[in-house]
Protein backbone atom coordinates (compact mmCIF):
# COMPACT_ATOMS: atom_id res chain seq x y z
CA MET A 1 -72.28 -70.75 -27.96
CA SER A 2 -73.84 -68.05 -25.97
CA ILE A 3 -72.77 -64.60 -26.83
CA ASN A 4 -71.80 -64.14 -23.17
CA ASP A 5 -69.17 -66.95 -23.63
CA ILE A 6 -67.53 -64.75 -26.39
CA THR A 7 -64.45 -63.12 -25.16
CA THR A 8 -61.85 -60.68 -26.65
CA PRO A 9 -58.11 -60.70 -25.89
CA LEU A 10 -58.60 -57.71 -23.65
CA ASP A 11 -61.42 -58.90 -21.74
CA SER A 12 -59.96 -62.21 -20.94
CA ALA A 13 -56.26 -61.21 -20.70
CA ALA A 14 -53.37 -63.10 -19.19
CA LEU A 15 -50.74 -60.69 -17.51
CA ASP A 16 -47.08 -61.01 -18.81
CA SER A 17 -45.36 -62.01 -15.95
CA GLU A 18 -45.51 -63.43 -12.20
CA ALA A 19 -44.35 -60.02 -11.04
CA GLN A 20 -47.38 -58.53 -12.69
CA TYR A 21 -49.81 -60.90 -11.10
CA ASP A 22 -48.21 -60.20 -7.69
CA LEU A 23 -48.75 -56.35 -8.16
CA TYR A 24 -52.21 -57.06 -9.61
CA TYR A 25 -53.50 -59.06 -6.61
CA ARG A 26 -51.99 -56.77 -4.28
CA MET A 27 -53.70 -53.74 -5.76
CA VAL A 28 -57.01 -55.36 -6.12
CA MET A 29 -57.29 -56.42 -2.71
CA HIS A 30 -55.80 -53.01 -1.40
CA VAL A 31 -58.64 -51.45 -3.31
CA LEU A 32 -61.38 -53.76 -1.73
CA ASP A 33 -59.96 -52.92 1.66
CA GLU A 34 -59.79 -49.26 1.07
CA PHE A 35 -63.41 -49.42 -0.43
CA GLU A 36 -64.58 -51.01 2.83
CA ILE A 37 -62.82 -48.52 4.99
CA ASN A 38 -64.48 -45.56 2.96
CA LEU A 39 -68.03 -47.02 3.49
CA VAL A 40 -67.93 -45.15 6.83
CA GLU A 41 -67.56 -41.97 4.65
CA TRP A 42 -70.35 -43.16 2.47
CA ASN A 43 -72.69 -43.61 5.41
CA HIS A 44 -71.69 -40.23 6.83
CA TYR A 45 -72.62 -38.55 3.53
CA ARG A 46 -75.80 -40.64 3.14
CA ILE A 47 -74.57 -42.48 0.03
CA CYS A 48 -75.56 -45.61 1.90
CA THR A 49 -77.47 -46.40 5.07
CA LYS A 50 -76.09 -48.38 7.92
CA GLU A 51 -78.16 -51.56 6.53
CA GLU A 52 -76.60 -51.24 3.12
CA LEU A 53 -73.05 -50.80 4.43
CA LYS A 54 -73.28 -54.07 6.25
CA ALA A 55 -74.20 -55.82 3.20
CA LEU A 56 -71.58 -54.07 0.97
CA GLU A 57 -69.10 -54.97 3.36
CA ASN A 58 -70.10 -58.85 3.24
CA TYR A 59 -69.94 -58.70 -0.45
CA CYS A 60 -66.54 -56.95 -0.50
CA LYS A 61 -65.29 -59.73 1.71
CA ARG A 62 -66.79 -62.24 -0.53
CA LEU A 63 -64.92 -60.90 -3.50
CA ALA A 64 -61.71 -60.39 -1.66
CA PHE A 65 -61.91 -63.94 -0.35
CA SER A 66 -62.41 -65.21 -4.08
CA LEU A 67 -59.31 -63.32 -5.06
CA ARG A 68 -57.31 -64.74 -2.42
CA VAL A 69 -58.31 -68.40 -3.47
CA MET A 70 -57.75 -67.54 -7.07
CA ARG A 71 -54.18 -66.53 -6.16
CA LEU A 72 -53.75 -69.77 -4.47
CA LYS A 73 -55.22 -71.70 -7.45
CA TYR A 74 -52.92 -70.42 -9.83
CA ARG A 75 -49.85 -69.93 -7.61
CA PHE A 76 -47.85 -72.61 -9.19
CA ASP A 77 -50.27 -73.79 -12.28
CA GLU A 78 -49.13 -73.26 -16.07
CA GLU A 79 -52.59 -71.78 -16.75
CA GLN A 80 -52.83 -68.08 -15.44
CA MET A 81 -55.97 -66.16 -14.08
CA LYS A 82 -57.68 -64.12 -16.75
CA VAL A 83 -58.46 -60.45 -16.07
CA ASP A 84 -60.63 -57.84 -18.05
CA LEU A 85 -58.46 -55.02 -19.03
CA THR A 86 -61.01 -53.07 -20.48
CA GLU A 87 -63.54 -50.92 -18.32
CA SER A 88 -63.54 -53.42 -15.32
CA GLY A 89 -59.99 -54.24 -14.00
CA PHE A 90 -61.51 -57.18 -12.34
CA PRO A 91 -61.10 -60.91 -13.24
CA ASN A 92 -63.03 -62.43 -16.02
CA TYR A 93 -66.59 -63.80 -14.72
CA LEU A 94 -65.31 -67.27 -15.70
CA GLU A 95 -62.84 -67.36 -12.95
CA LEU A 96 -65.56 -67.11 -10.37
CA ARG A 97 -67.34 -69.88 -12.31
CA TYR A 98 -64.30 -72.06 -12.09
CA ILE A 99 -64.24 -71.75 -8.30
CA HIS A 100 -67.93 -72.64 -8.13
CA ASN A 101 -67.35 -75.61 -10.20
CA ASP A 102 -64.26 -76.63 -7.90
CA LEU A 103 -66.83 -76.80 -4.83
CA ASP A 104 -68.01 -80.16 -6.58
CA LEU A 105 -64.40 -81.44 -6.75
CA LYS A 106 -63.71 -80.52 -3.30
CA GLU A 107 -64.09 -83.68 -1.54
CA SER A 108 -62.52 -85.64 -4.47
CA PHE A 109 -59.22 -83.76 -4.44
CA GLN A 110 -59.19 -83.59 -0.61
CA ALA A 111 -59.16 -87.40 -0.68
CA LYS A 112 -56.41 -87.74 -3.24
CA LEU A 113 -54.03 -84.77 -2.04
CA PRO A 114 -51.83 -85.00 0.96
CA ASP A 115 -52.41 -82.70 3.98
CA ALA A 116 -50.59 -79.51 3.98
CA SER A 117 -48.55 -80.68 6.92
CA GLU A 118 -47.27 -83.54 4.96
CA PHE A 119 -46.08 -81.12 2.20
CA LYS A 120 -44.26 -79.09 4.78
CA GLU A 121 -42.47 -82.00 6.26
CA LYS A 122 -41.47 -83.06 2.84
CA PHE A 123 -40.25 -79.69 1.62
CA ILE A 124 -38.18 -79.26 4.74
CA ARG A 125 -36.47 -82.41 4.35
CA GLN A 126 -35.87 -81.66 0.79
CA LEU A 127 -34.28 -78.29 1.34
CA MET A 128 -32.56 -78.77 4.66
CA VAL A 129 -31.55 -82.50 4.53
CA ASN A 130 -31.17 -83.24 0.92
CA LYS A 131 -30.15 -79.76 -0.08
CA GLN A 132 -32.38 -79.97 -3.09
CA HIS A 133 -34.93 -77.68 -4.67
CA VAL A 134 -38.56 -78.52 -4.16
CA ASP A 135 -40.18 -79.88 -7.33
CA LYS A 136 -42.47 -77.62 -9.05
CA ARG A 137 -44.98 -80.39 -9.27
CA ASP A 138 -44.77 -80.75 -5.51
CA LEU A 139 -45.47 -77.00 -5.28
CA PHE A 140 -48.36 -77.32 -7.41
CA GLU A 141 -50.09 -79.97 -5.51
CA ALA A 142 -49.49 -78.16 -2.20
CA SER A 143 -50.98 -75.25 -3.42
CA SER A 144 -53.83 -77.12 -4.84
CA SER A 145 -54.26 -79.10 -1.42
CA LEU A 146 -54.53 -75.56 0.35
CA TYR A 147 -56.92 -74.48 -2.18
CA TYR A 148 -59.49 -77.10 -2.13
CA ASN A 149 -59.27 -76.93 1.72
CA ARG A 150 -59.91 -73.43 1.80
CA ILE A 151 -62.98 -72.78 -0.76
CA GLN A 152 -66.30 -72.44 0.72
CA GLU A 153 -69.40 -71.64 -0.76
CA ASP A 154 -70.79 -69.21 1.81
CA LYS A 155 -67.38 -67.11 1.44
CA ILE A 156 -66.88 -66.96 -2.33
CA PHE A 157 -68.46 -64.18 -4.73
CA LYS A 158 -70.46 -66.34 -7.24
CA LYS A 159 -72.24 -65.11 -10.33
CA PHE A 160 -75.25 -64.50 -8.35
CA VAL A 161 -75.48 -64.10 -4.41
CA LEU A 162 -78.66 -63.77 -2.85
CA GLY A 163 -79.20 -62.12 0.64
CA LYS A 164 -82.12 -62.54 3.03
CA ILE A 165 -85.34 -60.51 3.33
CA LYS A 166 -84.91 -58.21 6.50
CA LYS A 167 -87.09 -55.51 8.11
CA THR A 168 -85.65 -52.19 7.47
CA LYS A 169 -85.59 -48.97 9.40
CA SER A 170 -86.49 -46.97 6.37
CA THR A 171 -89.68 -44.52 6.52
CA PHE A 172 -90.82 -45.78 3.13
CA ALA A 173 -90.84 -49.39 3.21
CA THR A 174 -91.07 -52.58 5.77
CA TYR A 175 -88.45 -54.76 4.19
CA VAL A 176 -85.38 -54.80 2.26
CA LEU A 177 -83.55 -57.55 0.29
CA ASP A 178 -79.95 -57.28 -0.91
CA TRP A 179 -78.31 -59.46 -3.58
CA ALA A 180 -75.05 -59.24 -5.62
CA PHE A 181 -74.23 -60.48 -9.18
CA TYR A 182 -70.99 -60.51 -11.30
CA ASP A 183 -71.98 -59.47 -14.78
CA VAL A 184 -70.92 -61.75 -17.40
CA THR A 185 -70.54 -59.05 -19.97
CA LEU A 186 -69.10 -56.12 -18.13
CA ASN A 187 -66.85 -58.41 -15.83
CA ARG A 188 -67.93 -56.23 -12.86
CA PRO A 189 -69.48 -56.84 -9.51
CA PHE A 190 -72.91 -55.29 -8.61
CA ILE A 191 -74.64 -54.97 -5.48
CA CYS A 192 -78.34 -54.54 -5.26
CA PHE A 193 -80.99 -53.39 -2.59
CA MET A 194 -84.77 -53.57 -2.98
CA TYR A 195 -87.10 -51.90 -0.51
CA PHE A 196 -90.69 -53.12 -0.67
CA ASP A 197 -93.90 -53.91 1.05
CA TYR A 198 -95.90 -57.03 1.49
CA LYS A 199 -98.16 -58.97 3.60
CA TYR A 200 -95.70 -61.77 4.87
CA ASP A 201 -96.50 -65.32 3.49
CA GLU A 202 -94.02 -68.02 3.18
CA LYS A 203 -94.98 -68.80 -0.59
CA ILE A 204 -94.80 -65.12 -1.28
CA GLU A 205 -91.28 -64.89 0.31
CA GLN A 206 -89.94 -67.65 -1.88
CA GLU A 207 -91.71 -66.00 -4.95
CA ILE A 208 -89.68 -62.93 -4.06
CA TYR A 209 -86.26 -64.99 -4.08
CA ASP A 210 -87.13 -66.75 -7.14
CA THR A 211 -88.06 -63.60 -8.94
CA VAL A 212 -84.98 -61.81 -8.08
CA ARG A 213 -83.01 -64.66 -9.17
CA ASP A 214 -84.73 -64.80 -12.36
CA CYS A 215 -85.10 -61.08 -13.23
CA ALA A 216 -82.16 -59.27 -11.53
CA ASP A 217 -78.94 -61.45 -11.82
CA ARG A 218 -77.51 -59.15 -14.69
CA TYR A 219 -76.70 -55.73 -15.81
CA GLN A 220 -79.79 -54.00 -17.48
CA ASP A 221 -81.27 -50.61 -17.38
CA LEU A 222 -82.67 -49.99 -13.72
CA GLU A 223 -85.97 -48.90 -14.79
CA ASN A 224 -86.44 -52.28 -16.81
CA MET A 225 -85.33 -54.19 -13.82
CA ALA A 226 -87.72 -52.43 -11.74
CA TYR A 227 -90.66 -52.93 -13.87
CA MET A 228 -89.83 -56.49 -14.21
CA LEU A 229 -89.67 -57.08 -10.51
CA ASP A 230 -92.89 -55.26 -9.80
CA LYS A 231 -94.80 -56.82 -12.75
CA ARG A 232 -93.73 -60.33 -11.72
CA MET A 233 -94.76 -60.00 -8.08
CA LYS A 234 -98.39 -59.62 -7.57
CA TYR A 235 -98.54 -59.30 -3.88
CA VAL A 236 -95.27 -57.36 -3.40
CA HIS A 237 -94.78 -53.48 -3.75
CA PRO A 238 -91.31 -52.36 -4.47
CA ARG A 239 -90.74 -49.00 -3.23
CA LYS A 240 -87.01 -48.10 -4.03
CA ILE A 241 -84.27 -50.07 -5.93
CA LYS A 242 -80.69 -49.27 -5.61
CA ARG A 243 -77.72 -50.53 -7.66
CA VAL A 244 -74.08 -50.20 -6.72
CA ASP A 245 -71.49 -50.76 -9.59
CA LEU A 246 -68.41 -51.58 -7.60
CA GLY A 247 -66.69 -49.99 -10.25
CA ILE A 248 -63.89 -49.65 -12.88
CA LEU A 249 -60.38 -50.06 -11.56
CA HIS A 250 -58.16 -47.70 -13.51
CA SER A 251 -54.38 -48.83 -13.29
CA ILE A 252 -51.26 -49.54 -15.19
CA PHE A 253 -53.08 -52.73 -16.43
CA SER A 254 -55.82 -50.88 -17.96
CA LYS A 255 -56.31 -50.99 -21.66
CA ASP A 256 -59.32 -48.79 -22.68
CA ASP A 257 -60.31 -45.12 -23.60
CA HIS A 258 -61.92 -44.14 -20.44
CA GLU A 259 -60.71 -40.75 -19.58
CA ILE A 260 -59.62 -41.41 -16.13
CA THR A 261 -57.46 -44.44 -17.54
CA GLN A 262 -55.80 -42.33 -19.98
CA ALA A 263 -55.03 -39.41 -17.72
CA LEU A 264 -53.48 -42.17 -15.50
CA LEU A 265 -51.52 -44.04 -18.06
CA LYS A 266 -50.06 -40.95 -19.40
CA ALA A 267 -48.95 -39.79 -15.92
CA ILE A 268 -47.49 -43.21 -15.31
CA ALA A 269 -45.62 -43.05 -18.47
CA VAL A 270 -43.94 -39.61 -17.66
CA LYS A 271 -43.48 -40.87 -14.02
CA ASP A 272 -45.91 -37.95 -12.73
CA VAL A 273 -47.50 -40.82 -10.47
CA LYS A 274 -46.04 -44.10 -9.27
CA LEU A 275 -46.37 -47.41 -11.17
CA ASN A 276 -48.76 -48.76 -8.80
CA SER A 277 -51.24 -45.73 -8.72
CA PHE A 278 -55.02 -46.53 -9.12
CA SER A 279 -58.18 -44.89 -9.22
CA LEU A 280 -61.69 -46.61 -8.63
CA THR A 281 -64.89 -45.27 -10.18
CA THR A 282 -68.00 -46.38 -8.33
CA THR A 283 -71.54 -45.80 -9.71
CA VAL A 284 -74.61 -45.71 -7.57
CA GLU A 285 -77.99 -45.76 -9.19
CA THR A 286 -81.40 -45.22 -7.57
CA ILE A 287 -85.21 -45.45 -8.83
CA ASN A 288 -87.89 -44.65 -6.48
CA SER A 289 -91.91 -45.45 -6.80
CA VAL A 290 -93.72 -41.98 -7.12
CA ASN A 291 -97.04 -43.59 -7.45
CA SER A 292 -98.98 -46.67 -8.16
CA SER A 293 -101.96 -47.49 -10.31
CA ARG A 294 -104.08 -50.70 -10.53
CA VAL A 295 -104.01 -52.66 -13.89
CA SER A 296 -105.67 -55.97 -14.96
CA ASN A 297 -103.41 -58.86 -14.81
CA ASP A 298 -104.42 -60.14 -18.27
CA LEU A 299 -107.24 -59.74 -20.67
CA LEU A 300 -109.47 -62.34 -19.35
CA SER A 301 -109.28 -61.30 -15.70
CA PHE A 302 -111.01 -58.76 -13.44
CA LYS A 303 -108.41 -58.95 -10.84
CA LYS A 304 -106.21 -55.72 -10.73
CA GLN A 305 -102.47 -55.62 -9.60
CA GLU A 306 -100.97 -52.56 -8.08
CA ILE A 307 -98.17 -51.64 -10.52
CA GLN A 308 -95.66 -48.94 -9.54
CA VAL A 309 -95.16 -45.65 -11.24
CA TRP A 310 -91.23 -45.10 -11.35
CA GLY A 311 -89.39 -41.88 -11.16
CA GLU A 312 -86.28 -41.10 -13.08
CA VAL A 313 -83.15 -42.95 -12.37
CA ALA A 314 -80.63 -40.97 -10.38
CA THR A 315 -77.07 -41.89 -11.37
CA HIS A 316 -74.15 -40.87 -9.21
CA LYS A 317 -70.57 -41.40 -9.82
CA TYR A 318 -67.82 -41.77 -7.02
CA ILE A 319 -64.13 -41.71 -7.39
CA LEU A 320 -61.73 -43.48 -4.69
CA ALA A 321 -58.02 -42.56 -5.33
CA PRO A 322 -54.87 -41.71 -3.34
CA HIS A 323 -54.13 -37.97 -2.88
CA ARG A 324 -51.55 -37.74 -5.82
CA VAL A 325 -53.99 -39.35 -8.20
CA ILE A 326 -56.67 -37.06 -7.20
CA GLN A 327 -54.63 -33.92 -7.89
CA LEU A 328 -53.79 -35.37 -11.38
CA LEU A 329 -57.38 -35.76 -12.03
CA TYR A 330 -58.32 -32.56 -11.03
CA GLY A 331 -55.43 -31.13 -13.36
CA LYS A 332 -56.16 -33.40 -16.19
CA ILE A 333 -59.85 -33.77 -16.48
CA PRO A 334 -61.17 -30.87 -14.12
CA ASN A 335 -64.78 -30.86 -15.73
CA THR A 336 -65.40 -34.34 -15.04
CA ILE A 337 -64.03 -34.07 -11.53
CA ILE A 338 -65.93 -31.09 -10.62
CA HIS A 339 -69.14 -32.37 -11.64
CA LEU A 340 -68.98 -35.31 -9.62
CA HIS A 341 -71.74 -35.81 -6.98
CA HIS A 342 -69.16 -35.77 -4.33
CA GLU A 343 -65.58 -34.76 -4.39
CA PRO A 344 -63.11 -37.56 -4.89
CA PHE A 345 -62.68 -39.76 -1.73
CA GLU A 346 -58.99 -40.03 -0.60
CA VAL A 347 -57.71 -43.41 0.21
CA GLU A 348 -54.31 -44.93 1.00
CA GLU A 349 -51.56 -45.56 -1.61
CA LEU A 350 -50.86 -49.12 -2.33
CA PRO A 351 -47.72 -49.65 -0.01
CA GLU A 352 -44.42 -50.39 -1.76
CA ILE A 353 -42.93 -53.96 -1.02
């Protein structure tokens, strides 16, 4: 068993009731929607470029789509989706693996299960003509039919999603590549950008994709990631690497000791804020090449490779929360909020049902 397969009750937890799952799904979907909307502000304050904004939107849409199909998958199932209630708030990474595995079964299940329209006719007849409740097994099969018809590889957020190399408008590099991964230890989504120069060659382009897939598909120190990518690609010169940790979602479901979580849970307990209150902590890390040097590839070779000299990693945290929660955080943990790189971004509350 891999260490990544070891889970604890809190990072692979089932919620207590269907009502809790309804609230959880609505909350996460709402937070992702608000994050997307807020990217315009990020662009305005130069937290992200327009190029990065488009990629971030795309990966948010993938994650939202994955959550929607998860909801469909488990709607009438005896099993329940597992959630990481520690410093994550997102589903356990295995849930994404299950969706990806289900793609291989899609054709088989589509052949076995009736079309959704057949279920609709059957349910209408059962309810309106026979005056009987619809059997739970039929509901499960109908939900499964919709699920297998809906899942698509180009729309889901997989453990690793690789973008395409594009020319960039930046002044310090010619190309940019974006990719995303869902870390199997932290159970959080990360979106990365590498700005670089190279002389175009089809083989080198493939080498870039392969190297990123091998070296940058999990959370690690950004300096280590930058060094590994640079060292492995002899004819590619990285200039800047940026990583966005989409965040820790703090809410009523959280079971960790993070100061924002604790402030929020205490406020919910005494009804200072609503039960559906939330806060999202997003971290952006950037490392830039400040110089380069030429070193031998190995002891037996006279050929030298250009290796980047990396500066220090710049780490900035950002908070997205409704107005009342922002007020609460200023009151309860003022030092943390005051020392953020930017004041908290205000987003809409989760609407009541």
